[in-house]
PDB file of all heavy atoms in Angstrom:
ATOM      1  N   PHE A   1      -7.859 -17.502  10.060  1.00  0.00           N
ATOM      2  CA  PHE A   1      -6.620 -17.567   9.293  1.00  0.00           C
ATOM      3  C   PHE A   1      -6.824 -16.997   7.891  1.00  0.00           C
ATOM      4  O   PHE A   1      -5.987 -16.248   7.381  1.00  0.00           O
ATOM      5  CB  PHE A   1      -6.135 -19.025   9.224  1.00  0.00           C
ATOM      6  CG  PHE A   1      -4.810 -19.191   8.569  1.00  0.00           C
ATOM      7  CD1 PHE A   1      -3.656 -18.731   9.173  1.00  0.00           C
ATOM      8  CD2 PHE A   1      -4.703 -19.804   7.330  1.00  0.00           C
ATOM      9  CE1 PHE A   1      -2.425 -18.874   8.566  1.00  0.00           C
ATOM     10  CE2 PHE A   1      -3.489 -19.953   6.711  1.00  0.00           C
ATOM     11  CZ  PHE A   1      -2.335 -19.489   7.328  1.00  0.00           C
ATOM     12  N   GLY A   2      -7.949 -17.309   7.270  1.00  0.00           N
ATOM     13  CA  GLY A   2      -8.261 -16.760   5.950  1.00  0.00           C
ATOM     14  C   GLY A   2      -8.410 -15.249   5.971  1.00  0.00           C
ATOM     15  O   GLY A   2      -7.949 -14.558   5.067  1.00  0.00           O
ATOM     16  N   ILE A   3      -9.045 -14.720   7.018  1.00  0.00           N
ATOM     17  CA  ILE A   3      -9.203 -13.266   7.145  1.00  0.00           C
ATOM     18  C   ILE A   3      -7.846 -12.591   7.304  1.00  0.00           C
ATOM     19  O   ILE A   3      -7.581 -11.549   6.691  1.00  0.00           O
ATOM     20  CB  ILE A   3     -10.142 -12.927   8.322  1.00  0.00           C
ATOM     21  CG1 ILE A   3     -11.582 -13.335   7.983  1.00  0.00           C
ATOM     22  CG2 ILE A   3     -10.076 -11.440   8.668  1.00  0.00           C
ATOM     23  CD1 ILE A   3     -12.539 -13.253   9.160  1.00  0.00           C
ATOM     24  N   VAL A   4      -6.959 -13.191   8.095  1.00  0.00           N
ATOM     25  CA  VAL A   4      -5.625 -12.616   8.288  1.00  0.00           C
ATOM     26  C   VAL A   4      -4.847 -12.606   6.974  1.00  0.00           C
ATOM     27  O   VAL A   4      -4.220 -11.595   6.619  1.00  0.00           O
ATOM     28  CB  VAL A   4      -4.853 -13.378   9.393  1.00  0.00           C
ATOM     29  CG1 VAL A   4      -3.392 -13.003   9.398  1.00  0.00           C
ATOM     30  CG2 VAL A   4      -5.474 -13.112  10.752  1.00  0.00           C
ATOM     31  N   ILE A   5      -4.890 -13.697   6.231  1.00  0.00           N
ATOM     32  CA  ILE A   5      -4.197 -13.758   4.932  1.00  0.00           C
ATOM     33  C   ILE A   5      -4.776 -12.724   3.963  1.00  0.00           C
ATOM     34  O   ILE A   5      -4.037 -12.027   3.256  1.00  0.00           O
ATOM     35  CB  ILE A   5      -4.305 -15.175   4.331  1.00  0.00           C
ATOM     36  CG1 ILE A   5      -3.597 -16.195   5.221  1.00  0.00           C
ATOM     37  CG2 ILE A   5      -3.769 -15.227   2.908  1.00  0.00           C
ATOM     38  CD1 ILE A   5      -2.112 -16.090   5.246  1.00  0.00           C
ATOM     39  N   TYR A   6      -6.104 -12.609   3.932  1.00  0.00           N
ATOM     40  CA  TYR A   6      -6.771 -11.638   3.054  1.00  0.00           C
ATOM     41  C   TYR A   6      -6.358 -10.207   3.400  1.00  0.00           C
ATOM     42  O   TYR A   6      -6.022  -9.413   2.507  1.00  0.00           O
ATOM     43  CB  TYR A   6      -8.284 -11.818   3.173  1.00  0.00           C
ATOM     44  CG  TYR A   6      -9.087 -10.786   2.417  1.00  0.00           C
ATOM     45  CD1 TYR A   6      -9.233 -10.881   1.039  1.00  0.00           C
ATOM     46  CD2 TYR A   6      -9.685  -9.720   3.080  1.00  0.00           C
ATOM     47  CE1 TYR A   6      -9.967  -9.935   0.336  1.00  0.00           C
ATOM     48  CE2 TYR A   6     -10.414  -8.771   2.390  1.00  0.00           C
ATOM     49  CZ  TYR A   6     -10.548  -8.889   1.024  1.00  0.00           C
ATOM     50  OH  TYR A   6     -11.269  -7.938   0.347  1.00  0.00           O
ATOM     51  N   GLU A   7      -6.373  -9.869   4.674  1.00  0.00           N
ATOM     52  CA  GLU A   7      -6.012  -8.502   5.088  1.00  0.00           C
ATOM     53  C   GLU A   7      -4.527  -8.218   4.863  1.00  0.00           C
ATOM     54  O   GLU A   7      -4.156  -7.100   4.518  1.00  0.00           O
ATOM     55  CB  GLU A   7      -6.380  -8.264   6.554  1.00  0.00           C
ATOM     56  CG  GLU A   7      -7.868  -8.210   6.801  1.00  0.00           C
ATOM     57  CD  GLU A   7      -8.560  -7.055   6.096  1.00  0.00           C
ATOM     58  OE1 GLU A   7      -7.920  -6.027   5.795  1.00  0.00           O
ATOM     59  OE2 GLU A   7      -9.769  -7.183   5.835  1.00  0.00           O
ATOM     60  N   LYS A   8      -3.669  -9.217   5.054  1.00  0.00           N
ATOM     61  CA  LYS A   8      -2.241  -9.033   4.780  1.00  0.00           C
ATOM     62  C   LYS A   8      -2.035  -8.732   3.295  1.00  0.00           C
ATOM     63  O   LYS A   8      -1.241  -7.861   2.928  1.00  0.00           O
ATOM     64  CB  LYS A   8      -1.474 -10.292   5.188  1.00  0.00           C
ATOM     65  CG  LYS A   8      -0.004 -10.277   4.859  1.00  0.00           C
ATOM     66  CD  LYS A   8       0.766  -9.337   5.725  1.00  0.00           C
ATOM     67  CE  LYS A   8       2.251  -9.506   5.460  1.00  0.00           C
ATOM     68  NZ  LYS A   8       3.056  -8.546   6.156  1.00  0.00           N
ATOM     69  N   ASN A   9      -2.758  -9.428   2.438  1.00  0.00           N
ATOM     70  CA  ASN A   9      -2.681  -9.170   1.002  1.00  0.00           C
ATOM     71  C   ASN A   9      -3.159  -7.760   0.669  1.00  0.00           C
ATOM     72  O   ASN A   9      -2.551  -7.059  -0.145  1.00  0.00           O
ATOM     73  CB  ASN A   9      -3.504 -10.214   0.238  1.00  0.00           C
ATOM     74  CG  ASN A   9      -3.311 -10.125  -1.249  1.00  0.00           C
ATOM     75  OD1 ASN A   9      -2.228  -9.795  -1.725  1.00  0.00           O
ATOM     76  ND2 ASN A   9      -4.354 -10.409  -1.993  1.00  0.00           N
ATOM     77  N   ASN A  10      -4.246  -7.317   1.317  1.00  0.00           N
ATOM     78  CA  ASN A  10      -4.729  -5.950   1.107  1.00  0.00           C
ATOM     79  C   ASN A  10      -3.697  -4.916   1.538  1.00  0.00           C
ATOM     80  O   ASN A  10      -3.498  -3.903   0.859  1.00  0.00           O
ATOM     81  CB  ASN A  10      -6.036  -5.712   1.862  1.00  0.00           C
ATOM     82  CG  ASN A  10      -7.225  -6.303   1.151  1.00  0.00           C
ATOM     83  OD1 ASN A  10      -7.148  -6.655  -0.020  1.00  0.00           O
ATOM     84  ND2 ASN A  10      -8.327  -6.420   1.860  1.00  0.00           N
ATOM     85  N   LEU A  11      -3.036  -5.152   2.682  1.00  0.00           N
ATOM     86  CA  LEU A  11      -2.005  -4.212   3.142  1.00  0.00           C
ATOM     87  C   LEU A  11      -0.832  -4.172   2.163  1.00  0.00           C
ATOM     88  O   LEU A  11      -0.262  -3.107   1.925  1.00  0.00           O
ATOM     89  CB  LEU A  11      -1.513  -4.589   4.532  1.00  0.00           C
ATOM     90  CG  LEU A  11      -2.463  -4.335   5.685  1.00  0.00           C
ATOM     91  CD1 LEU A  11      -1.795  -4.684   7.003  1.00  0.00           C
ATOM     92  CD2 LEU A  11      -2.945  -2.902   5.715  1.00  0.00           C
ATOM     93  N   GLU A  12      -0.461  -5.322   1.624  1.00  0.00           N
ATOM     94  CA  GLU A  12       0.621  -5.353   0.630  1.00  0.00           C
ATOM     95  C   GLU A  12       0.245  -4.528  -0.598  1.00  0.00           C
ATOM     96  O   GLU A  12       1.076  -3.804  -1.155  1.00  0.00           O
ATOM     97  CB  GLU A  12       0.944  -6.790   0.234  1.00  0.00           C
ATOM     98  CG  GLU A  12       1.597  -7.608   1.308  1.00  0.00           C
ATOM     99  CD  GLU A  12       3.030  -7.197   1.605  1.00  0.00           C
ATOM    100  OE1 GLU A  12       3.677  -6.551   0.752  1.00  0.00           O
ATOM    101  OE2 GLU A  12       3.496  -7.510   2.708  1.00  0.00           O
ATOM    102  N   ASN A  13      -1.013  -4.622  -1.023  1.00  0.00           N
ATOM    103  CA  ASN A  13      -1.472  -3.836  -2.175  1.00  0.00           C
ATOM    104  C   ASN A  13      -1.471  -2.342  -1.872  1.00  0.00           C
ATOM    105  O   ASN A  13      -1.078  -1.528  -2.711  1.00  0.00           O
ATOM    106  CB  ASN A  13      -2.868  -4.280  -2.607  1.00  0.00           C
ATOM    107  CG  ASN A  13      -2.869  -5.647  -3.235  1.00  0.00           C
ATOM    108  OD1 ASN A  13      -1.850  -6.110  -3.742  1.00  0.00           O
ATOM    109  ND2 ASN A  13      -4.014  -6.308  -3.173  1.00  0.00           N
ATOM    110  N   VAL A  14      -1.904  -1.970  -0.674  1.00  0.00           N
ATOM    111  CA  VAL A  14      -1.943  -0.552  -0.295  1.00  0.00           C
ATOM    112  C   VAL A  14      -0.536   0.019  -0.235  1.00  0.00           C
ATOM    113  O   VAL A  14      -0.275   1.116  -0.739  1.00  0.00           O
ATOM    114  CB  VAL A  14      -2.677  -0.375   1.051  1.00  0.00           C
ATOM    115  CG1 VAL A  14      -2.482   1.028   1.600  1.00  0.00           C
ATOM    116  CG2 VAL A  14      -4.155  -0.670   0.902  1.00  0.00           C
ATOM    117  N   ILE A  15       0.397  -0.703   0.368  1.00  0.00           N
ATOM    118  CA  ILE A  15       1.754  -0.171   0.474  1.00  0.00           C
ATOM    119  C   ILE A  15       2.438  -0.149  -0.897  1.00  0.00           C
ATOM    120  O   ILE A  15       3.255   0.726  -1.179  1.00  0.00           O
ATOM    121  CB  ILE A  15       2.592  -0.915   1.525  1.00  0.00           C
ATOM    122  CG1 ILE A  15       3.720  -0.005   2.002  1.00  0.00           C
ATOM    123  CG2 ILE A  15       3.139  -2.206   1.008  1.00  0.00           C
ATOM    124  CD1 ILE A  15       4.297  -0.344   3.319  1.00  0.00           C
ATOM    125  N   SER A  16       2.077  -1.076  -1.757  1.00  0.00           N
ATOM    126  CA  SER A  16       2.603  -1.040  -3.124  1.00  0.00           C
ATOM    127  C   SER A  16       2.104   0.205  -3.857  1.00  0.00           C
ATOM    128  O   SER A  16       2.876   0.854  -4.581  1.00  0.00           O
ATOM    129  CB  SER A  16       2.184  -2.308  -3.868  1.00  0.00           C
ATOM    130  OG  SER A  16       2.630  -2.272  -5.185  1.00  0.00           O
ATOM    131  N   ASP A  17       0.839   0.542  -3.665  1.00  0.00           N
ATOM    132  CA  ASP A  17       0.289   1.773  -4.254  1.00  0.00           C
ATOM    133  C   ASP A  17       0.993   3.005  -3.689  1.00  0.00           C
ATOM    134  O   ASP A  17       1.276   3.961  -4.419  1.00  0.00           O
ATOM    135  CB  ASP A  17      -1.208   1.883  -3.988  1.00  0.00           C
ATOM    136  CG  ASP A  17      -2.017   0.841  -4.738  1.00  0.00           C
ATOM    137  OD1 ASP A  17      -1.464   0.249  -5.688  1.00  0.00           O
ATOM    138  OD2 ASP A  17      -3.192   0.627  -4.365  1.00  0.00           O
ATOM    139  N   ALA A  18       1.287   2.989  -2.384  1.00  0.00           N
ATOM    140  CA  ALA A  18       1.969   4.127  -1.758  1.00  0.00           C
ATOM    141  C   ALA A  18       3.380   4.295  -2.313  1.00  0.00           C
ATOM    142  O   ALA A  18       3.827   5.410  -2.570  1.00  0.00           O
ATOM    143  CB  ALA A  18       2.016   3.934  -0.235  1.00  0.00           C
ATOM    144  N   VAL A  19       4.071   3.189  -2.518  1.00  0.00           N
ATOM    145  CA  VAL A  19       5.421   3.258  -3.091  1.00  0.00           C
ATOM    146  C   VAL A  19       5.363   3.794  -4.520  1.00  0.00           C
ATOM    147  O   VAL A  19       6.185   4.623  -4.923  1.00  0.00           O
ATOM    148  CB  VAL A  19       6.100   1.870  -3.041  1.00  0.00           C
ATOM    149  CG1 VAL A  19       7.377   1.854  -3.863  1.00  0.00           C
ATOM    150  CG2 VAL A  19       6.385   1.477  -1.611  1.00  0.00           C
ATOM    151  N   THR A  20       4.364   3.360  -5.276  1.00  0.00           N
ATOM    152  CA  THR A  20       4.198   3.860  -6.640  1.00  0.00           C
ATOM    153  C   THR A  20       3.937   5.366  -6.640  1.00  0.00           C
ATOM    154  O   THR A  20       4.509   6.103  -7.462  1.00  0.00           O
ATOM    155  CB  THR A  20       3.044   3.132  -7.342  1.00  0.00           C
ATOM    156  OG1 THR A  20       3.314   1.733  -7.339  1.00  0.00           O
ATOM    157  CG2 THR A  20       2.879   3.604  -8.773  1.00  0.00           C
ATOM    158  N   LEU A  21       3.082   5.828  -5.722  1.00  0.00           N
ATOM    159  CA  LEU A  21       2.826   7.269  -5.615  1.00  0.00           C
ATOM    160  C   LEU A  21       4.111   8.027  -5.278  1.00  0.00           C
ATOM    161  O   LEU A  21       4.381   9.088  -5.843  1.00  0.00           O
ATOM    162  CB  LEU A  21       1.769   7.545  -4.549  1.00  0.00           C
ATOM    163  CG  LEU A  21       0.327   7.194  -4.904  1.00  0.00           C
ATOM    164  CD1 LEU A  21      -0.563   7.354  -3.682  1.00  0.00           C
ATOM    165  CD2 LEU A  21      -0.168   8.067  -6.038  1.00  0.00           C
ATOM    166  N   TYR A  22       4.919   7.477  -4.350  1.00  0.00           N
ATOM    167  CA  TYR A  22       6.162   8.135  -3.967  1.00  0.00           C
ATOM    168  C   TYR A  22       7.138   8.186  -5.147  1.00  0.00           C
ATOM    169  O   TYR A  22       7.790   9.203  -5.377  1.00  0.00           O
ATOM    170  CB  TYR A  22       6.804   7.410  -2.778  1.00  0.00           C
ATOM    171  CG  TYR A  22       8.093   8.033  -2.342  1.00  0.00           C
ATOM    172  CD1 TYR A  22       8.096   9.225  -1.632  1.00  0.00           C
ATOM    173  CD2 TYR A  22       9.311   7.450  -2.661  1.00  0.00           C
ATOM    174  CE1 TYR A  22       9.288   9.817  -1.245  1.00  0.00           C
ATOM    175  CE2 TYR A  22      10.500   8.027  -2.284  1.00  0.00           C
ATOM    176  CZ  TYR A  22      10.485   9.209  -1.573  1.00  0.00           C
ATOM    177  OH  TYR A  22      11.664   9.800  -1.191  1.00  0.00           O
ATOM    178  N   GLU A  23       7.214   7.101  -5.883  1.00  0.00           N
ATOM    179  CA  GLU A  23       8.124   7.072  -7.038  1.00  0.00           C
ATOM    180  C   GLU A  23       7.665   8.008  -8.154  1.00  0.00           C
ATOM    181  O   GLU A  23       8.476   8.435  -8.974  1.00  0.00           O
ATOM    182  CB  GLU A  23       8.247   5.644  -7.561  1.00  0.00           C
ATOM    183  CG  GLU A  23       9.028   4.749  -6.628  1.00  0.00           C
ATOM    184  CD  GLU A  23       9.040   3.301  -7.061  1.00  0.00           C
ATOM    185  OE1 GLU A  23       8.250   2.927  -7.956  1.00  0.00           O
ATOM    186  OE2 GLU A  23       9.843   2.545  -6.496  1.00  0.00           O
ATOM    187  N   ASN A  24       6.363   8.324  -8.184  1.00  0.00           N
ATOM    188  CA  ASN A  24       5.847   9.268  -9.180  1.00  0.00           C
ATOM    189  C   ASN A  24       5.941  10.717  -8.725  1.00  0.00           C
ATOM    190  O   ASN A  24       5.433  11.605  -9.387  1.00  0.00           O
ATOM    191  CB  ASN A  24       4.403   8.926  -9.541  1.00  0.00           C
ATOM    192  CG  ASN A  24       4.309   7.663 -10.361  1.00  0.00           C
ATOM    193  OD1 ASN A  24       5.246   7.291 -11.046  1.00  0.00           O
ATOM    194  ND2 ASN A  24       3.174   6.986 -10.272  1.00  0.00           N
ATOM    195  N   GLY A  25       6.565  10.963  -7.573  1.00  0.00           N
ATOM    196  CA  GLY A  25       6.839  12.327  -7.133  1.00  0.00           C
ATOM    197  C   GLY A  25       5.819  12.938  -6.190  1.00  0.00           C
ATOM    198  O   GLY A  25       5.886  14.141  -5.924  1.00  0.00           O
ATOM    199  N   GLU A  26       4.886  12.161  -5.656  1.00  0.00           N
ATOM    200  CA  GLU A  26       3.916  12.699  -4.697  1.00  0.00           C
ATOM    201  C   GLU A  26       4.610  12.974  -3.364  1.00  0.00           C
ATOM    202  O   GLU A  26       5.570  12.303  -2.992  1.00  0.00           O
ATOM    203  CB  GLU A  26       2.764  11.705  -4.471  1.00  0.00           C
ATOM    204  CG  GLU A  26       1.912  11.464  -5.685  1.00  0.00           C
ATOM    205  CD  GLU A  26       1.060  12.654  -6.063  1.00  0.00           C
ATOM    206  OE1 GLU A  26       0.737  13.475  -5.194  1.00  0.00           O
ATOM    207  OE2 GLU A  26       0.727  12.771  -7.254  1.00  0.00           O
ATOM    208  N   SER A  27       4.100  13.956  -2.638  1.00  0.00           N
ATOM    209  CA  SER A  27       4.677  14.266  -1.332  1.00  0.00           C
ATOM    210  C   SER A  27       4.232  13.226  -0.307  1.00  0.00           C
ATOM    211  O   SER A  27       3.243  12.525  -0.482  1.00  0.00           O
ATOM    212  CB  SER A  27       4.242  15.661  -0.877  1.00  0.00           C
ATOM    213  OG  SER A  27       2.873  15.661  -0.571  1.00  0.00           O
ATOM    214  N   LEU A  28       4.989  13.154   0.785  1.00  0.00           N
ATOM    215  CA  LEU A  28       4.678  12.169   1.828  1.00  0.00           C
ATOM    216  C   LEU A  28       3.332  12.452   2.479  1.00  0.00           C
ATOM    217  O   LEU A  28       2.602  11.527   2.837  1.00  0.00           O
ATOM    218  CB  LEU A  28       5.793  12.142   2.875  1.00  0.00           C
ATOM    219  CG  LEU A  28       7.167  11.682   2.357  1.00  0.00           C
ATOM    220  CD1 LEU A  28       8.191  11.713   3.480  1.00  0.00           C
ATOM    221  CD2 LEU A  28       7.099  10.313   1.745  1.00  0.00           C
ATOM    222  N   ASP A  29       2.980  13.723   2.646  1.00  0.00           N
ATOM    223  CA  ASP A  29       1.680  14.071   3.233  1.00  0.00           C
ATOM    224  C   ASP A  29       0.525  13.644   2.327  1.00  0.00           C
ATOM    225  O   ASP A  29      -0.503  13.155   2.800  1.00  0.00           O
ATOM    226  CB  ASP A  29       1.592  15.569   3.502  1.00  0.00           C
ATOM    227  CG  ASP A  29       2.520  16.002   4.624  1.00  0.00           C
ATOM    228  OD1 ASP A  29       2.772  15.171   5.525  1.00  0.00           O
ATOM    229  OD2 ASP A  29       2.983  17.159   4.604  1.00  0.00           O
ATOM    230  N   THR A  30       0.682  13.831   1.033  1.00  0.00           N
ATOM    231  CA  THR A  30      -0.353  13.408   0.083  1.00  0.00           C
ATOM    232  C   THR A  30      -0.533  11.897   0.130  1.00  0.00           C
ATOM    233  O   THR A  30      -1.665  11.396   0.124  1.00  0.00           O
ATOM    234  CB  THR A  30       0.020  13.840  -1.347  1.00  0.00           C
ATOM    235  OG1 THR A  30       0.263  15.240  -1.368  1.00  0.00           O
ATOM    236  CG2 THR A  30      -1.075  13.475  -2.332  1.00  0.00           C
ATOM    237  N   ILE A  31       0.570  11.180   0.192  1.00  0.00           N
ATOM    238  CA  ILE A  31       0.506   9.721   0.269  1.00  0.00           C
ATOM    239  C   ILE A  31      -0.197   9.281   1.545  1.00  0.00           C
ATOM    240  O   ILE A  31      -1.056   8.409   1.537  1.00  0.00           O
ATOM    241  CB  ILE A  31       1.920   9.111   0.178  1.00  0.00           C
ATOM    242  CG1 ILE A  31       2.536   9.399  -1.194  1.00  0.00           C
ATOM    243  CG2 ILE A  31       1.895   7.616   0.459  1.00  0.00           C
ATOM    244  CD1 ILE A  31       3.990   9.057  -1.292  1.00  0.00           C
TER     245      ILE A  31
END
């Protein structure tokens, strides 16, 4: 259960970074 919560948090951070890259004008392929 702890591993699942930890990995879910990591995925949330990664997708947040991807959204930030998209909002800064990066292309979808670069993201």
